[in-house]
C-alpha atoms as a PDB file:
ATOM      1  CA  MET A   1       0.294 -58.556  72.470  1.00  0.00           C
ATOM      2  CA  THR A   2       0.655 -59.946  69.055  1.00  0.00           C
ATOM      3  CA  ARG A   3       1.822 -57.278  66.426  1.00  0.00           C
ATOM      4  CA  ARG A   4       0.099 -57.559  63.073  1.00  0.00           C
ATOM      5  CA  HIS A   5       2.074 -56.893  59.850  1.00  0.00           C
ATOM      6  CA  ARG A   6       0.492 -55.920  56.454  1.00  0.00           C
ATOM      7  CA  PRO A   7       1.311 -58.470  53.882  1.00  0.00           C
ATOM      8  CA  ALA A   8       4.213 -57.468  51.656  1.00  0.00           C
ATOM      9  CA  ALA A   9       2.199 -58.342  48.575  1.00  0.00           C
ATOM     10  CA  LEU A  10      -0.497 -55.840  49.526  1.00  0.00           C
ATOM     11  CA  LEU A  11       2.073 -53.076  49.969  1.00  0.00           C
ATOM     12  CA  ALA A  12       3.711 -53.919  46.688  1.00  0.00           C
ATOM     13  CA  GLY A  13       0.358 -53.842  44.881  1.00  0.00           C
ATOM     14  CA  ALA A  14      -0.489 -50.453  46.297  1.00  0.00           C
ATOM     15  CA  PHE A  15       2.886 -49.106  45.149  1.00  0.00           C
ATOM     16  CA  VAL A  16       2.281 -50.400  41.628  1.00  0.00           C
ATOM     17  CA  LEU A  17      -1.169 -48.762  41.491  1.00  0.00           C
ATOM     18  CA  LEU A  18       0.355 -45.446  42.588  1.00  0.00           C
ATOM     19  CA  LEU A  19       3.000 -45.602  39.887  1.00  0.00           C
ATOM     20  CA  THR A  20       0.358 -46.505  37.311  1.00  0.00           C
ATOM     21  CA  ALA A  21      -1.846 -43.557  38.316  1.00  0.00           C
ATOM     22  CA  VAL A  22       1.101 -41.163  38.119  1.00  0.00           C
ATOM     23  CA  GLY A  23       2.139 -42.531  34.759  1.00  0.00           C
ATOM     24  CA  CYS A  24      -1.379 -42.205  33.327  1.00  0.00           C
ATOM     25  CA  SER A  25      -1.600 -38.642  34.596  1.00  0.00           C
ATOM     26  CA  ASP A  26       1.696 -37.736  32.926  1.00  0.00           C
ATOM     27  CA  LEU A  27       0.629 -39.440  29.672  1.00  0.00           C
ATOM     28  CA  ARG A  28      -2.711 -37.612  29.680  1.00  0.00           C
ATOM     29  CA  SER A  29      -0.894 -34.285  30.203  1.00  0.00           C
ATOM     30  CA  GLU A  30       1.429 -34.995  27.260  1.00  0.00           C
ATOM     31  CA  ILE A  31      -1.501 -35.892  24.973  1.00  0.00           C
ATOM     32  CA  GLU A  32      -3.426 -32.739  25.930  1.00  0.00           C
ATOM     33  CA  ALA A  33      -0.282 -30.642  25.433  1.00  0.00           C
ATOM     34  CA  GLU A  34       0.201 -32.091  21.937  1.00  0.00           C
ATOM     35  CA  LYS A  35      -3.429 -31.423  21.035  1.00  0.00           C
ATOM     36  CA  GLY A  36      -3.285 -27.837  22.255  1.00  0.00           C
ATOM     37  CA  GLY A  37       0.165 -27.094  20.827  1.00  0.00           C
ATOM     38  CA  GLY A  38       1.571 -26.722  24.307  1.00  0.00           C
ATOM     39  CA  ALA A  39      -0.199 -23.378  24.737  1.00  0.00           C
ATOM     40  CA  ALA A  40      -1.881 -22.451  27.918  1.00  0.00           C
ATOM     41  CA  PRO A  41      -5.652 -22.553  27.915  1.00  0.00           C
ATOM     42  CA  SER A  42      -7.024 -19.318  26.481  1.00  0.00           C
ATOM     43  CA  THR A  43     -10.110 -17.390  27.355  1.00  0.00           C
ATOM     44  CA  PRO A  44     -13.172 -17.918  25.154  1.00  0.00           C
ATOM     45  CA  GLY A  45     -12.768 -16.148  21.771  1.00  0.00           C
ATOM     46  CA  GLN A  46     -14.454 -12.794  21.204  1.00  0.00           C
ATOM     47  CA  PRO A  47     -17.370 -12.813  18.719  1.00  0.00           C
ATOM     48  CA  PRO A  48     -16.630 -11.216  15.283  1.00  0.00           C
ATOM     49  CA  PRO A  49     -17.435  -7.499  15.086  1.00  0.00           C
ATOM     50  CA  SER A  50     -20.891  -6.566  13.932  1.00  0.00           C
ATOM     51  CA  PRO A  51     -21.119  -4.836  10.502  1.00  0.00           C
ATOM     52  CA  LEU A  52     -22.638  -1.917  12.369  1.00  0.00           C
ATOM     53  CA  ASP A  53     -19.426  -1.579  14.398  1.00  0.00           C
ATOM     54  CA  LEU A  54     -17.173  -1.360  11.324  1.00  0.00           C
ATOM     55  CA  PRO A  55     -16.026   2.130  10.219  1.00  0.00           C
ATOM     56  CA  PRO A  56     -17.905   3.410   7.169  1.00  0.00           C
ATOM     57  CA  SER A  57     -16.141   3.260   3.813  1.00  0.00           C
ATOM     58  CA  PRO A  58     -14.932   6.663   2.579  1.00  0.00           C
ATOM     59  CA  SER A  59     -17.323   8.160   0.051  1.00  0.00           C
ATOM     60  CA  PRO A  60     -16.009   9.618  -3.252  1.00  0.00           C
ATOM     61  CA  SER A  61     -15.261  13.298  -3.264  1.00  0.00           C
ATOM     62  CA  PRO A  62     -17.765  15.565  -5.059  1.00  0.00           C
ATOM     63  CA  SER A  63     -15.194  16.392  -7.720  1.00  0.00           C
ATOM     64  CA  ALA A  64     -14.647  12.701  -8.464  1.00  0.00           C
ATOM     65  CA  GLU A  65     -18.385  12.177  -8.876  1.00  0.00           C
ATOM     66  CA  ALA A  66     -18.938  15.308 -10.926  1.00  0.00           C
ATOM     67  CA  THR A  67     -16.470  14.722 -13.732  1.00  0.00           C
ATOM     68  CA  ALA A  68     -15.118  11.899 -15.823  1.00  0.00           C
ATOM     69  CA  PRO A  69     -11.414  10.993 -15.677  1.00  0.00           C
ATOM     70  CA  GLY A  70      -9.410  13.729 -17.427  1.00  0.00           C
ATOM     71  CA  CYS A  71     -12.382  16.109 -17.477  1.00  0.00           C
ATOM     72  CA  PRO A  72     -11.607  19.732 -16.455  1.00  0.00           C
ATOM     73  CA  PRO A  73     -13.180  20.934 -13.168  1.00  0.00           C
ATOM     74  CA  SER A  74     -15.628  23.075 -15.152  1.00  0.00           C
ATOM     75  CA  GLY A  75     -17.080  19.955 -16.802  1.00  0.00           C
ATOM     76  CA  LEU A  76     -16.393  21.358 -20.287  1.00  0.00           C
ATOM     77  CA  ASP A  77     -13.651  20.002 -22.530  1.00  0.00           C
ATOM     78  CA  VAL A  78     -12.545  20.959 -26.061  1.00  0.00           C
ATOM     79  CA  VAL A  79     -10.954  18.712 -28.682  1.00  0.00           C
ATOM     80  CA  ILE A  80     -10.053  19.050 -32.347  1.00  0.00           C
ATOM     81  CA  GLY A  81     -12.974  17.520 -34.221  1.00  0.00           C
ATOM     82  CA  GLY A  82     -11.624  17.606 -37.776  1.00  0.00           C
ATOM     83  CA  GLU A  83      -9.394  19.461 -40.246  1.00  0.00           C
ATOM     84  CA  ASP A  84      -9.703  20.302 -43.934  1.00  0.00           C
ATOM     85  CA  ALA A  85      -7.642  22.238 -46.463  1.00  0.00           C
ATOM     86  CA  ALA A  86      -8.252  23.363 -50.043  1.00  0.00           C
ATOM     87  CA  MET A  87      -6.905  26.133 -52.316  1.00  0.00           C
ATOM     88  CA  GLY A  88      -5.014  27.890 -49.557  1.00  0.00           C
ATOM     89  CA  HIS A  89      -7.881  27.778 -47.068  1.00  0.00           C
ATOM     90  CA  ARG A  90      -7.748  25.911 -43.770  1.00  0.00           C
ATOM     91  CA  VAL A  91     -10.783  24.808 -41.775  1.00  0.00           C
ATOM     92  CA  VAL A  92     -10.631  23.234 -38.286  1.00  0.00           C
ATOM     93  CA  THR A  93     -13.612  22.151 -36.196  1.00  0.00           C
ATOM     94  CA  LEU A  94     -13.492  22.616 -32.424  1.00  0.00           C
ATOM     95  CA  GLN A  95     -15.655  20.153 -30.528  1.00  0.00           C
ATOM     96  CA  LEU A  96     -17.036  21.232 -27.148  1.00  0.00           C
ATOM     97  CA  TRP A  97     -17.996  18.314 -24.870  1.00  0.00           C
ATOM     98  CA  ASN A  98     -19.916  18.361 -21.594  1.00  0.00           C
ATOM     99  CA  CYS A  99     -17.900  15.705 -19.757  1.00  0.00           C
ATOM    100  CA  GLY A 100     -19.487  16.473 -16.375  1.00  0.00           C
ATOM    101  CA  ASP A 101     -22.692  15.218 -14.805  1.00  0.00           C
ATOM    102  CA  LYS A 102     -24.693  18.463 -14.893  1.00  0.00           C
ATOM    103  CA  PRO A 103     -26.140  20.529 -17.760  1.00  0.00           C
ATOM    104  CA  ARG A 104     -23.851  23.362 -18.923  1.00  0.00           C
ATOM    105  CA  ARG A 105     -24.821  26.569 -20.685  1.00  0.00           C
ATOM    106  CA  VAL A 106     -22.722  28.275 -23.324  1.00  0.00           C
ATOM    107  CA  LYS A 107     -23.454  31.156 -25.664  1.00  0.00           C
ATOM    108  CA  GLY A 108     -21.584  32.974 -28.363  1.00  0.00           C
ATOM    109  CA  HIS A 109     -18.055  32.492 -29.633  1.00  0.00           C
ATOM    110  CA  PRO A 110     -15.226  30.689 -27.907  1.00  0.00           C
ATOM    111  CA  GLY A 111     -12.245  32.745 -26.862  1.00  0.00           C
ATOM    112  CA  VAL A 112      -9.248  31.870 -29.037  1.00  0.00           C
ATOM    113  CA  GLU A 113      -5.552  32.724 -28.696  1.00  0.00           C
ATOM    114  CA  LEU A 114      -2.754  31.535 -30.973  1.00  0.00           C
ATOM    115  CA  LEU A 115       0.683  30.576 -29.555  1.00  0.00           C
ATOM    116  CA  ASP A 116       3.975  29.751 -31.269  1.00  0.00           C
ATOM    117  CA  ASP A 117       6.112  26.690 -30.490  1.00  0.00           C
ATOM    118  CA  GLY A 118       7.612  28.566 -27.527  1.00  0.00           C
ATOM    119  CA  ARG A 119       4.071  29.153 -26.247  1.00  0.00           C
ATOM    120  CA  GLU A 120       4.357  32.886 -26.860  1.00  0.00           C
ATOM    121  CA  PRO A 121       1.276  34.745 -28.186  1.00  0.00           C
ATOM    122  CA  ILE A 122       1.122  35.491 -31.910  1.00  0.00           C
ATOM    123  CA  GLY A 123      -0.455  38.759 -32.974  1.00  0.00           C
ATOM    124  CA  VAL A 124      -3.298  37.765 -35.288  1.00  0.00           C
ATOM    125  CA  LYS A 125      -6.680  39.338 -35.866  1.00  0.00           C
ATOM    126  CA  ILE A 126      -9.606  37.302 -34.510  1.00  0.00           C
ATOM    127  CA  THR A 127     -12.900  37.897 -36.317  1.00  0.00           C
ATOM    128  CA  HIS A 128     -16.354  36.426 -35.958  1.00  0.00           C
ATOM    129  CA  LYS A 129     -17.118  36.517 -39.639  1.00  0.00           C
ATOM    130  CA  SER A 130     -18.517  33.280 -40.992  1.00  0.00           C
ATOM    131  CA  ASP A 131     -17.951  32.551 -44.680  1.00  0.00           C
ATOM    132  CA  TYR A 132     -20.434  29.820 -45.587  1.00  0.00           C
ATOM    133  CA  THR A 133     -18.194  28.664 -48.431  1.00  0.00           C
ATOM    134  CA  TYR A 134     -15.606  27.469 -45.917  1.00  0.00           C
ATOM    135  CA  THR A 135     -17.324  27.190 -42.521  1.00  0.00           C
ATOM    136  CA  GLY A 136     -20.599  25.719 -43.779  1.00  0.00           C
ATOM    137  CA  ARG A 137     -22.560  27.943 -41.393  1.00  0.00           C
ATOM    138  CA  ARG A 138     -25.743  29.366 -42.932  1.00  0.00           C
ATOM    139  CA  ASP A 139     -26.623  31.238 -39.755  1.00  0.00           C
ATOM    140  CA  ASP A 140     -23.939  32.074 -37.226  1.00  0.00           C
ATOM    141  CA  ARG A 141     -25.906  34.222 -34.807  1.00  0.00           C
ATOM    142  CA  PRO A 142     -24.870  33.421 -31.191  1.00  0.00           C
ATOM    143  CA  ARG A 143     -27.473  31.334 -29.411  1.00  0.00           C
ATOM    144  CA  GLN A 144     -27.879  30.099 -25.841  1.00  0.00           C
ATOM    145  CA  LEU A 145     -27.067  26.384 -25.731  1.00  0.00           C
ATOM    146  CA  THR A 146     -27.755  23.988 -22.862  1.00  0.00           C
ATOM    147  CA  LEU A 147     -25.558  20.922 -23.100  1.00  0.00           C
ATOM    148  CA  ALA A 148     -26.736  17.869 -21.163  1.00  0.00           C
ATOM    149  CA  PRO A 149     -24.028  15.470 -19.927  1.00  0.00           C
ATOM    150  CA  ASP A 150     -22.219  13.938 -22.937  1.00  0.00           C
ATOM    151  CA  ASP A 151     -23.748  16.483 -25.341  1.00  0.00           C
ATOM    152  CA  THR A 152     -21.491  18.359 -27.741  1.00  0.00           C
ATOM    153  CA  ALA A 153     -21.394  21.602 -29.688  1.00  0.00           C
ATOM    154  CA  SER A 154     -18.955  22.793 -32.337  1.00  0.00           C
ATOM    155  CA  ALA A 155     -17.264  25.926 -33.593  1.00  0.00           C
ATOM    156  CA  VAL A 156     -15.245  26.378 -36.778  1.00  0.00           C
ATOM    157  CA  LEU A 157     -11.860  28.060 -37.302  1.00  0.00           C
ATOM    158  CA  HIS A 158     -11.023  29.315 -40.788  1.00  0.00           C
ATOM    159  CA  TRP A 159      -7.932  31.047 -42.151  1.00  0.00           C
ATOM    160  CA  ASN A 160      -6.188  31.737 -45.442  1.00  0.00           C
ATOM    161  CA  ASN A 161      -2.531  30.711 -45.660  1.00  0.00           C
ATOM    162  CA  ARG A 162      -1.632  32.595 -48.860  1.00  0.00           C
ATOM    163  CA  VAL A 163       1.269  35.027 -48.615  1.00  0.00           C
ATOM    164  CA  THR A 164       0.501  37.990 -50.848  1.00  0.00           C
ATOM    165  CA  SER A 165       2.660  40.700 -49.272  1.00  0.00           C
ATOM    166  CA  LEU A 166       6.377  41.390 -49.230  1.00  0.00           C
ATOM    167  CA  ASP A 167       5.987  41.913 -45.486  1.00  0.00           C
ATOM    168  CA  GLY A 168       5.471  38.194 -45.108  1.00  0.00           C
ATOM    169  CA  ALA A 169       3.071  36.574 -42.692  1.00  0.00           C
ATOM    170  CA  PRO A 170       2.732  36.078 -38.935  1.00  0.00           C
ATOM    171  CA  ALA A 171       4.877  33.416 -37.311  1.00  0.00           C
ATOM    172  CA  PRO A 172       3.314  29.962 -37.624  1.00  0.00           C
ATOM    173  CA  GLY A 173       1.217  28.847 -34.705  1.00  0.00           C
ATOM    174  CA  ALA A 174       1.801  25.600 -32.818  1.00  0.00           C
ATOM    175  CA  HIS A 175      -0.860  25.762 -30.134  1.00  0.00           C
ATOM    176  CA  ILE A 176      -4.334  27.198 -29.785  1.00  0.00           C
ATOM    177  CA  VAL A 177      -5.838  28.225 -26.444  1.00  0.00           C
ATOM    178  CA  VAL A 178      -9.626  27.936 -26.326  1.00  0.00           C
ATOM    179  CA  THR A 179     -11.842  29.419 -23.597  1.00  0.00           C
ATOM    180  CA  PRO A 180     -15.229  27.662 -23.915  1.00  0.00           C
ATOM    181  CA  ALA A 181     -17.192  30.479 -22.246  1.00  0.00           C
ATOM    182  CA  PRO A 182     -16.421  33.646 -20.247  1.00  0.00           C
ATOM    183  CA  GLY A 183     -15.115  32.737 -16.813  1.00  0.00           C
ATOM    184  CA  GLU A 184     -14.185  29.169 -17.757  1.00  0.00           C
ATOM    185  CA  ASP A 185     -10.626  27.846 -17.647  1.00  0.00           C
ATOM    186  CA  PRO A 186      -8.777  28.001 -21.003  1.00  0.00           C
ATOM    187  CA  ILE A 187      -7.803  24.743 -22.689  1.00  0.00           C
ATOM    188  CA  SER A 188      -4.582  24.468 -24.692  1.00  0.00           C
ATOM    189  CA  LEU A 189      -4.478  22.226 -27.763  1.00  0.00           C
ATOM    190  CA  PRO A 190      -1.624  21.450 -30.173  1.00  0.00           C
ATOM    191  CA  LEU A 191      -2.558  22.779 -33.605  1.00  0.00           C
ATOM    192  CA  PRO A 192      -0.326  23.907 -36.512  1.00  0.00           C
ATOM    193  CA  VAL A 193      -1.685  27.177 -37.907  1.00  0.00           C
ATOM    194  CA  ASP A 194      -0.055  28.728 -41.010  1.00  0.00           C
ATOM    195  CA  ILE A 195      -1.899  32.024 -41.350  1.00  0.00           C
ATOM    196  CA  GLY A 196      -0.999  34.019 -44.474  1.00  0.00           C
ATOM    197  CA  SER A 197      -0.438  37.688 -45.113  1.00  0.00           C
ATOM    198  CA  ASP A 198      -3.881  38.857 -43.971  1.00  0.00           C
ATOM    199  CA  GLY A 199      -3.141  37.606 -40.445  1.00  0.00           C
ATOM    200  CA  THR A 200      -6.811  36.832 -39.789  1.00  0.00           C
ATOM    201  CA  LEU A 201      -8.360  33.902 -37.944  1.00  0.00           C
ATOM    202  CA  GLU A 202     -12.133  33.533 -38.279  1.00  0.00           C
ATOM    203  CA  VAL A 203     -14.039  31.885 -35.409  1.00  0.00           C
ATOM    204  CA  THR A 204     -17.719  30.922 -35.554  1.00  0.00           C
ATOM    205  CA  SER A 205     -20.037  30.642 -32.547  1.00  0.00           C
ATOM    206  CA  TRP A 206     -20.801  27.423 -30.701  1.00  0.00           C
ATOM    207  CA  ALA A 207     -23.659  25.508 -32.322  1.00  0.00           C
ATOM    208  CA  ALA A 208     -25.309  22.169 -31.684  1.00  0.00           C
ATOM    209  CA  ASP A 209     -25.964  21.792 -35.437  1.00  0.00           C
ATOM    210  CA  PRO A 210     -22.786  22.574 -37.383  1.00  0.00           C
ATOM    211  CA  VAL A 211     -24.715  23.193 -40.623  1.00  0.00           C
ATOM    212  CA  SER A 212     -27.574  25.403 -39.525  1.00  0.00           C
ATOM    213  CA  GLY A 213     -25.562  27.066 -36.756  1.00  0.00           C
ATOM    214  CA  ARG A 214     -28.326  26.359 -34.223  1.00  0.00           C
END
C-alpha cells in the first residue's frame, strides 16, 4: 500500500495561520485592555436616584423664622433713639422695635433700672411724671399699643443733673435695664446717667407718636 504524506508546504501554512490567529487575539486583548483601563468589565451602572428618593432638606426652626438676627426671643428690642441736654436737664429717647414677625401688644410704662459700672443697682426714684417742657409729651396717659412687625414706639427718660445738696448725688449710672412690658425679658443698654441731688428719673409711657403720646 502506498502511504500518502501531506505536503510540507501545507503544514507550514497551517502553522503560520495558527500563529497569526493567536497574535491577533493577543493584540485585540491588549487594545481592549487599554480602552477599558485594564479594569474588569463592570455591571451596568445604576440609574441616578429620583428626586423623590432624596432626603428632605431640613426646615428652619420656628425661632429662626420668627425673629430677625439679633432679635430677642420675645420679638421686642429696645435701643437708644436719641439724647439731648440743656441747662442741667438730660433727655434720652428709648425706641421700642417689633423685630419679630407677629404683632406685639404693649401698654403703659417700661420698667427701668439703673446700674453702675460694676452692674450693681443704683438707688434712684423712678417716677412716671411727664414734664412737657423736657419730654415733649402733651398727653402721657398709658394706652394699649399694637405694634406690627417693624413698627416702633418710644418712651422718654428725663433727669436733672444739678447737685444742690451737701449730701451729694447718687453714684453715676453706666447701664440702664429696660423691661418693655411685664413678663418680657429685660434688655441692658450702656447709658451714662448723671442724676443730681434729687435722685429722680422720670419715665414716660410707650407711645407710637412721641409728641401727642398716642
